[in-house]
Amino acid sequence: MRKRNEKIEQSNQQTNIIKDKPIININSKEFLSVPETAILLGCSTKTIYRLISKKEINAHNLGTRLTRVKRSEIDKRLANGKEQEPLQYDISECYTISETVDKYGISNGALYNLIKRNEIPKIEKGKYTYIPKKLIDNLLG
């Protein structure tokens, strides 16, 4: 029984060494691949690609399947806490999408493109989407 427990303990130690090895290697690199970035942040590669496409993480595509993320970018993102709470707007200070379309005479698609391009916050309540009057009026008025 004692020998069996010793073998189990030895096996567990070897497993921990293997698990920790990628983190040690990642910490010493200046440029990380997408899978390495995912390991470092503890999320999936899909999440990393989504953050890259939203331009929340700066990445450089060096060629086919060679996307690299600078380690300092990840550290800076974690230090700044870029995931800040969005500004809160009261619904009384907002237009619905249909009100905005009627008021300014633009299409839904054009409005959504403007909202996305200018990073205007949207508030979704029930089946309605609200956008702040002040920001839309400054943009279109």
N, C-alpha and C. Protein backbone atom coordinates (compact mmCIF):
# COMPACT_ATOMS: atom_id res chain seq x y z
N MET A 1 0.83 -1.19 0.00
CA MET A 1 0.00 0.00 0.00
C MET A 1 0.88 1.27 0.00
N ARG A 2 1.95 1.24 0.83
CA ARG A 2 2.86 2.37 0.90
C ARG A 2 3.55 2.59 -0.46
N LYS A 3 4.03 1.51 -1.09
CA LYS A 3 4.68 1.61 -2.40
C LYS A 3 3.70 2.17 -3.44
N ARG A 4 2.48 1.72 -3.36
CA ARG A 4 1.46 2.19 -4.30
C ARG A 4 1.24 3.69 -4.14
N ASN A 5 1.13 4.17 -2.90
CA ASN A 5 0.95 5.60 -2.63
C ASN A 5 2.15 6.41 -3.10
N GLU A 6 3.37 5.87 -2.94
CA GLU A 6 4.57 6.56 -3.41
C GLU A 6 4.55 6.72 -4.93
N LYS A 7 4.13 5.65 -5.64
CA LYS A 7 4.05 5.70 -7.10
C LYS A 7 3.00 6.72 -7.55
N ILE A 8 1.89 6.76 -6.85
CA ILE A 8 0.83 7.71 -7.19
C ILE A 8 1.34 9.13 -6.98
N GLU A 9 2.01 9.37 -5.88
CA GLU A 9 2.56 10.70 -5.57
C GLU A 9 3.59 11.11 -6.62
N GLN A 10 4.46 10.18 -7.01
CA GLN A 10 5.47 10.46 -8.03
C GLN A 10 4.80 10.79 -9.37
N SER A 11 3.77 10.05 -9.71
CA SER A 11 3.04 10.29 -10.95
C SER A 11 2.37 11.67 -10.92
N ASN A 12 1.80 12.03 -9.81
CA ASN A 12 1.16 13.34 -9.67
C ASN A 12 2.17 14.48 -9.81
N GLN A 13 3.37 14.29 -9.26
CA GLN A 13 4.41 15.31 -9.39
C GLN A 13 4.83 15.48 -10.84
N GLN A 14 4.99 14.37 -11.56
CA GLN A 14 5.37 14.45 -12.97
C GLN A 14 4.27 15.12 -13.80
N THR A 15 3.03 14.83 -13.46
CA THR A 15 1.90 15.45 -14.16
C THR A 15 1.91 16.95 -13.94
N ASN A 16 2.15 17.40 -12.71
CA ASN A 16 2.19 18.83 -12.42
C ASN A 16 3.33 19.52 -13.16
N ILE A 17 4.46 18.87 -13.29
CA ILE A 17 5.59 19.44 -14.03
C ILE A 17 5.21 19.62 -15.49
N ILE A 18 4.55 18.64 -16.06
CA ILE A 18 4.13 18.72 -17.47
C ILE A 18 3.09 19.82 -17.65
N LYS A 19 2.16 19.94 -16.70
CA LYS A 19 1.13 20.99 -16.79
C LYS A 19 1.73 22.38 -16.70
N ASP A 20 2.72 22.57 -15.84
CA ASP A 20 3.31 23.88 -15.61
C ASP A 20 4.32 24.28 -16.67
N LYS A 21 4.81 23.33 -17.44
CA LYS A 21 5.85 23.61 -18.42
C LYS A 21 5.40 24.65 -19.47
N PRO A 22 4.19 24.57 -20.05
CA PRO A 22 3.81 25.59 -21.05
C PRO A 22 3.78 27.00 -20.47
N ILE A 23 3.34 27.16 -19.24
CA ILE A 23 3.28 28.49 -18.63
C ILE A 23 4.69 29.06 -18.46
N ILE A 24 5.63 28.23 -18.07
CA ILE A 24 7.02 28.69 -17.90
C ILE A 24 7.59 29.13 -19.23
N ASN A 25 7.32 28.36 -20.29
CA ASN A 25 7.81 28.73 -21.63
C ASN A 25 7.15 30.01 -22.13
N ILE A 26 5.86 30.16 -21.87
CA ILE A 26 5.12 31.34 -22.34
C ILE A 26 5.63 32.60 -21.65
N ASN A 27 5.92 32.50 -20.37
CA ASN A 27 6.38 33.67 -19.62
C ASN A 27 7.70 34.22 -20.13
N SER A 28 8.50 33.39 -20.79
CA SER A 28 9.81 33.84 -21.26
C SER A 28 9.77 34.39 -22.69
N LYS A 29 8.63 34.32 -23.38
CA LYS A 29 8.54 34.78 -24.77
C LYS A 29 8.02 36.20 -24.85
N GLU A 30 8.52 36.94 -25.86
CA GLU A 30 8.06 38.30 -26.09
C GLU A 30 6.84 38.32 -27.02
N PHE A 31 6.80 37.42 -28.01
CA PHE A 31 5.68 37.33 -28.93
C PHE A 31 5.02 35.97 -28.76
N LEU A 32 3.69 35.98 -28.64
CA LEU A 32 2.95 34.75 -28.39
C LEU A 32 2.04 34.41 -29.55
N SER A 33 1.86 33.12 -29.77
CA SER A 33 0.88 32.68 -30.76
C SER A 33 -0.50 32.77 -30.11
N VAL A 34 -1.53 32.57 -30.90
CA VAL A 34 -2.90 32.65 -30.37
C VAL A 34 -3.17 31.55 -29.34
N PRO A 35 -2.76 30.29 -29.58
CA PRO A 35 -2.98 29.27 -28.54
C PRO A 35 -2.21 29.57 -27.25
N GLU A 36 -1.01 30.12 -27.36
CA GLU A 36 -0.24 30.48 -26.16
C GLU A 36 -0.92 31.62 -25.40
N THR A 37 -1.46 32.58 -26.15
CA THR A 37 -2.18 33.68 -25.51
C THR A 37 -3.41 33.15 -24.78
N ALA A 38 -4.08 32.18 -25.40
CA ALA A 38 -5.26 31.58 -24.77
C ALA A 38 -4.89 30.86 -23.47
N ILE A 39 -3.76 30.16 -23.47
CA ILE A 39 -3.30 29.48 -22.25
C ILE A 39 -2.99 30.51 -21.18
N LEU A 40 -2.31 31.58 -21.58
CA LEU A 40 -1.92 32.61 -20.62
C LEU A 40 -3.14 33.27 -19.98
N LEU A 41 -4.16 33.56 -20.79
CA LEU A 41 -5.35 34.23 -20.27
C LEU A 41 -6.40 33.26 -19.72
N GLY A 42 -6.19 31.98 -19.96
CA GLY A 42 -7.13 30.98 -19.44
C GLY A 42 -8.46 31.00 -20.17
N CYS A 43 -8.42 31.16 -21.49
CA CYS A 43 -9.65 31.15 -22.28
C CYS A 43 -9.40 30.36 -23.56
N SER A 44 -10.39 30.32 -24.43
CA SER A 44 -10.25 29.54 -25.66
C SER A 44 -9.58 30.37 -26.76
N THR A 45 -9.08 29.68 -27.77
CA THR A 45 -8.47 30.38 -28.89
C THR A 45 -9.52 31.19 -29.65
N LYS A 46 -10.74 30.68 -29.67
CA LYS A 46 -11.83 31.39 -30.33
C LYS A 46 -12.06 32.76 -29.69
N THR A 47 -11.96 32.81 -28.37
CA THR A 47 -12.12 34.07 -27.65
C THR A 47 -11.01 35.04 -28.04
N ILE A 48 -9.79 34.54 -28.15
CA ILE A 48 -8.67 35.39 -28.54
C ILE A 48 -8.88 35.94 -29.94
N TYR A 49 -9.29 35.09 -30.89
CA TYR A 49 -9.55 35.57 -32.24
C TYR A 49 -10.66 36.61 -32.25
N ARG A 50 -11.68 36.42 -31.42
CA ARG A 50 -12.78 37.39 -31.33
C ARG A 50 -12.26 38.73 -30.79
N LEU A 51 -11.40 38.70 -29.76
CA LEU A 51 -10.83 39.93 -29.22
C LEU A 51 -9.94 40.63 -30.24
N ILE A 52 -9.23 39.84 -31.04
CA ILE A 52 -8.39 40.41 -32.09
C ILE A 52 -9.26 41.08 -33.16
N SER A 53 -10.35 40.42 -33.56
CA SER A 53 -11.21 41.00 -34.60
C SER A 53 -11.92 42.25 -34.11
N LYS A 54 -12.21 42.34 -32.80
CA LYS A 54 -12.81 43.54 -32.23
C LYS A 54 -11.78 44.62 -31.94
N LYS A 55 -10.52 44.31 -32.21
CA LYS A 55 -9.38 45.21 -31.98
C LYS A 55 -9.21 45.55 -30.50
N GLU A 56 -9.59 44.63 -29.63
CA GLU A 56 -9.36 44.81 -28.20
C GLU A 56 -7.97 44.33 -27.83
N ILE A 57 -7.41 43.46 -28.66
CA ILE A 57 -6.03 43.01 -28.51
C ILE A 57 -5.34 43.28 -29.84
N ASN A 58 -4.22 43.98 -29.81
CA ASN A 58 -3.46 44.22 -31.02
C ASN A 58 -2.65 42.98 -31.37
N ALA A 59 -2.78 42.55 -32.62
CA ALA A 59 -2.06 41.37 -33.08
C ALA A 59 -1.49 41.67 -34.46
N HIS A 60 -0.48 40.93 -34.83
CA HIS A 60 0.17 41.10 -36.13
C HIS A 60 0.11 39.77 -36.87
N ASN A 61 -0.38 39.82 -38.09
CA ASN A 61 -0.45 38.62 -38.91
C ASN A 61 0.79 38.58 -39.78
N LEU A 62 1.67 37.64 -39.49
CA LEU A 62 2.94 37.54 -40.21
C LEU A 62 2.84 36.65 -41.44
N GLY A 63 1.69 36.09 -41.67
CA GLY A 63 1.47 35.21 -42.81
C GLY A 63 0.37 34.24 -42.46
N THR A 64 0.16 33.28 -43.34
CA THR A 64 -0.87 32.28 -43.10
C THR A 64 -0.59 31.53 -41.81
N ARG A 65 -1.53 31.58 -40.91
CA ARG A 65 -1.46 30.89 -39.62
C ARG A 65 -0.30 31.36 -38.74
N LEU A 66 0.09 32.59 -38.92
CA LEU A 66 1.18 33.14 -38.11
C LEU A 66 0.75 34.44 -37.43
N THR A 67 -0.30 34.38 -36.66
CA THR A 67 -0.76 35.55 -35.92
C THR A 67 0.00 35.59 -34.61
N ARG A 68 0.59 36.74 -34.32
CA ARG A 68 1.38 36.88 -33.10
C ARG A 68 0.86 38.06 -32.29
N VAL A 69 0.88 37.88 -30.98
CA VAL A 69 0.45 38.91 -30.04
C VAL A 69 1.64 39.27 -29.18
N LYS A 70 1.90 40.56 -29.04
CA LYS A 70 3.02 41.00 -28.23
C LYS A 70 2.67 40.84 -26.76
N ARG A 71 3.57 40.27 -26.02
CA ARG A 71 3.35 39.99 -24.60
C ARG A 71 3.03 41.26 -23.81
N SER A 72 3.70 42.36 -24.15
CA SER A 72 3.47 43.61 -23.44
C SER A 72 2.04 44.12 -23.65
N GLU A 73 1.43 43.80 -24.82
CA GLU A 73 0.03 44.17 -25.08
C GLU A 73 -0.90 43.47 -24.09
N ILE A 74 -0.64 42.20 -23.86
CA ILE A 74 -1.46 41.42 -22.92
C ILE A 74 -1.29 41.98 -21.51
N ASP A 75 -0.04 42.23 -21.13
CA ASP A 75 0.23 42.76 -19.79
C ASP A 75 -0.43 44.13 -19.61
N LYS A 76 -0.34 44.97 -20.65
CA LYS A 76 -0.93 46.30 -20.58
C LYS A 76 -2.45 46.22 -20.46
N ARG A 77 -3.05 45.30 -21.20
CA ARG A 77 -4.50 45.12 -21.15
C ARG A 77 -4.95 44.67 -19.77
N LEU A 78 -4.19 43.77 -19.18
CA LEU A 78 -4.55 43.30 -17.85
C LEU A 78 -4.32 44.38 -16.80
N ALA A 79 -3.27 45.18 -16.97
CA ALA A 79 -2.97 46.23 -16.00
C ALA A 79 -3.98 47.37 -16.05
N ASN A 80 -4.38 47.74 -17.28
CA ASN A 80 -5.33 48.84 -17.43
C ASN A 80 -6.75 48.44 -17.05
N GLY A 81 -7.04 47.16 -17.09
CA GLY A 81 -8.40 46.74 -16.84
C GLY A 81 -9.32 47.30 -17.91
N LYS A 82 -8.97 47.07 -19.18
CA LYS A 82 -9.72 47.65 -20.27
C LYS A 82 -11.20 47.30 -20.23
N GLU A 83 -11.50 46.25 -19.55
CA GLU A 83 -12.89 45.84 -19.41
C GLU A 83 -13.58 46.76 -18.40
N GLN A 84 -13.67 48.01 -18.74
CA GLN A 84 -14.31 48.96 -17.84
C GLN A 84 -15.82 48.88 -18.01
N GLU A 85 -16.51 49.29 -16.95
CA GLU A 85 -17.96 49.29 -17.00
C GLU A 85 -18.42 50.38 -17.95
N PRO A 86 -19.33 50.06 -18.89
CA PRO A 86 -19.77 51.07 -19.84
C PRO A 86 -20.56 52.18 -19.14
N LEU A 87 -20.59 53.34 -19.80
CA LEU A 87 -21.36 54.45 -19.25
C LEU A 87 -22.83 54.07 -19.20
N GLN A 88 -23.49 54.44 -18.14
CA GLN A 88 -24.90 54.13 -17.98
C GLN A 88 -25.74 55.31 -18.45
N TYR A 89 -26.70 55.05 -19.31
CA TYR A 89 -27.61 56.06 -19.80
C TYR A 89 -29.02 55.68 -19.38
N ASP A 90 -29.81 56.67 -19.02
CA ASP A 90 -31.21 56.44 -18.69
C ASP A 90 -31.97 56.29 -20.00
N ILE A 91 -32.97 55.45 -20.02
CA ILE A 91 -33.72 55.22 -21.25
C ILE A 91 -34.45 56.48 -21.69
N SER A 92 -34.78 57.36 -20.76
CA SER A 92 -35.44 58.62 -21.14
C SER A 92 -34.50 59.52 -21.94
N GLU A 93 -33.18 59.28 -21.85
CA GLU A 93 -32.18 60.05 -22.59
C GLU A 93 -31.78 59.36 -23.88
N CYS A 94 -32.57 58.39 -24.34
CA CYS A 94 -32.21 57.59 -25.50
C CYS A 94 -33.31 57.55 -26.54
N TYR A 95 -32.90 57.30 -27.80
CA TYR A 95 -33.81 57.02 -28.89
C TYR A 95 -33.85 55.51 -29.10
N THR A 96 -34.98 55.03 -29.63
CA THR A 96 -34.97 53.65 -30.12
C THR A 96 -34.39 53.70 -31.53
N ILE A 97 -34.09 52.54 -32.06
CA ILE A 97 -33.54 52.48 -33.42
C ILE A 97 -34.54 53.05 -34.41
N SER A 98 -35.81 52.67 -34.29
CA SER A 98 -36.83 53.14 -35.24
C SER A 98 -37.04 54.65 -35.15
N GLU A 99 -36.97 55.21 -33.94
CA GLU A 99 -37.09 56.67 -33.78
C GLU A 99 -35.94 57.37 -34.50
N THR A 100 -34.75 56.84 -34.37
CA THR A 100 -33.58 57.43 -35.00
C THR A 100 -33.68 57.35 -36.52
N VAL A 101 -34.11 56.19 -37.01
CA VAL A 101 -34.27 56.01 -38.46
C VAL A 101 -35.29 57.01 -39.00
N ASP A 102 -36.42 57.18 -38.31
CA ASP A 102 -37.45 58.11 -38.76
C ASP A 102 -36.97 59.56 -38.68
N LYS A 103 -36.29 59.92 -37.60
CA LYS A 103 -35.86 61.29 -37.39
C LYS A 103 -34.83 61.74 -38.41
N TYR A 104 -33.85 60.88 -38.69
CA TYR A 104 -32.74 61.28 -39.57
C TYR A 104 -32.85 60.74 -40.99
N GLY A 105 -33.85 59.90 -41.25
CA GLY A 105 -34.08 59.41 -42.61
C GLY A 105 -32.96 58.54 -43.16
N ILE A 106 -32.38 57.69 -42.32
CA ILE A 106 -31.36 56.76 -42.80
C ILE A 106 -31.86 55.34 -42.62
N SER A 107 -31.22 54.40 -43.27
CA SER A 107 -31.65 53.01 -43.17
C SER A 107 -31.13 52.37 -41.88
N ASN A 108 -31.75 51.25 -41.52
CA ASN A 108 -31.31 50.51 -40.33
C ASN A 108 -29.85 50.10 -40.46
N GLY A 109 -29.49 49.60 -41.64
CA GLY A 109 -28.12 49.14 -41.85
C GLY A 109 -27.11 50.26 -41.70
N ALA A 110 -27.43 51.43 -42.27
CA ALA A 110 -26.53 52.57 -42.15
C ALA A 110 -26.39 53.01 -40.70
N LEU A 111 -27.50 52.99 -39.97
CA LEU A 111 -27.46 53.37 -38.56
C LEU A 111 -26.60 52.40 -37.76
N TYR A 112 -26.80 51.10 -37.97
CA TYR A 112 -26.01 50.11 -37.24
C TYR A 112 -24.52 50.23 -37.58
N ASN A 113 -24.21 50.54 -38.85
CA ASN A 113 -22.80 50.73 -39.22
C ASN A 113 -22.21 51.94 -38.50
N LEU A 114 -22.97 53.04 -38.41
CA LEU A 114 -22.49 54.22 -37.69
C LEU A 114 -22.28 53.93 -36.21
N ILE A 115 -23.22 53.19 -35.64
CA ILE A 115 -23.11 52.83 -34.22
C ILE A 115 -21.86 52.00 -33.98
N LYS A 116 -21.63 51.04 -34.85
CA LYS A 116 -20.46 50.17 -34.69
C LYS A 116 -19.16 50.93 -34.93
N ARG A 117 -19.11 51.73 -35.99
CA ARG A 117 -17.90 52.45 -36.35
C ARG A 117 -17.50 53.47 -35.29
N ASN A 118 -18.49 54.12 -34.68
CA ASN A 118 -18.22 55.16 -33.69
C ASN A 118 -18.30 54.65 -32.26
N GLU A 119 -18.45 53.35 -32.11
CA GLU A 119 -18.48 52.69 -30.81
C GLU A 119 -19.49 53.33 -29.86
N ILE A 120 -20.69 53.56 -30.38
CA ILE A 120 -21.77 54.13 -29.57
C ILE A 120 -22.40 53.00 -28.78
N PRO A 121 -22.54 53.16 -27.46
CA PRO A 121 -23.12 52.08 -26.66
C PRO A 121 -24.60 51.88 -26.96
N LYS A 122 -25.02 50.63 -26.95
CA LYS A 122 -26.43 50.28 -27.16
C LYS A 122 -26.96 49.69 -25.87
N ILE A 123 -28.21 49.97 -25.59
CA ILE A 123 -28.89 49.39 -24.43
C ILE A 123 -30.04 48.56 -24.96
N GLU A 124 -30.02 47.29 -24.66
CA GLU A 124 -31.06 46.40 -25.14
C GLU A 124 -31.99 46.05 -23.99
N LYS A 125 -33.24 46.45 -24.12
CA LYS A 125 -34.27 46.15 -23.13
C LYS A 125 -35.45 45.54 -23.86
N GLY A 126 -35.72 44.29 -23.53
CA GLY A 126 -36.82 43.61 -24.22
C GLY A 126 -36.52 43.50 -25.70
N LYS A 127 -37.52 43.91 -26.51
CA LYS A 127 -37.31 43.82 -27.96
C LYS A 127 -36.81 45.13 -28.56
N TYR A 128 -36.52 46.13 -27.73
CA TYR A 128 -36.07 47.42 -28.20
C TYR A 128 -34.58 47.63 -27.94
N THR A 129 -33.95 48.34 -28.85
CA THR A 129 -32.55 48.73 -28.68
C THR A 129 -32.51 50.25 -28.60
N TYR A 130 -31.90 50.74 -27.55
CA TYR A 130 -31.82 52.18 -27.31
C TYR A 130 -30.39 52.67 -27.52
N ILE A 131 -30.30 53.90 -28.06
CA ILE A 131 -29.01 54.54 -28.23
C ILE A 131 -29.10 55.96 -27.67
N PRO A 132 -28.05 56.46 -27.02
CA PRO A 132 -28.10 57.77 -26.38
C PRO A 132 -28.36 58.91 -27.36
N LYS A 133 -29.35 59.75 -27.02
CA LYS A 133 -29.72 60.89 -27.87
C LYS A 133 -28.54 61.82 -28.09
N LYS A 134 -27.83 62.11 -27.03
CA LYS A 134 -26.72 63.07 -27.09
C LYS A 134 -25.68 62.65 -28.12
N LEU A 135 -25.30 61.36 -28.11
CA LEU A 135 -24.26 60.88 -29.02
C LEU A 135 -24.74 60.86 -30.48
N ILE A 136 -26.00 60.42 -30.68
CA ILE A 136 -26.55 60.36 -32.04
C ILE A 136 -26.75 61.77 -32.60
N ASP A 137 -27.26 62.68 -31.76
CA ASP A 137 -27.45 64.05 -32.23
C ASP A 137 -26.13 64.70 -32.60
N ASN A 138 -25.08 64.44 -31.82
CA ASN A 138 -23.75 64.98 -32.17
C ASN A 138 -23.24 64.40 -33.48
N LEU A 139 -23.53 63.13 -33.71
CA LEU A 139 -23.03 62.44 -34.89
C LEU A 139 -23.82 62.83 -36.15
N LEU A 140 -25.14 62.86 -36.06
CA LEU A 140 -25.97 63.08 -37.23
C LEU A 140 -26.59 64.48 -37.32
N GLY A 141 -26.60 65.21 -36.19
CA GLY A 141 -27.31 66.48 -36.16
C GLY A 141 -26.56 67.66 -36.63
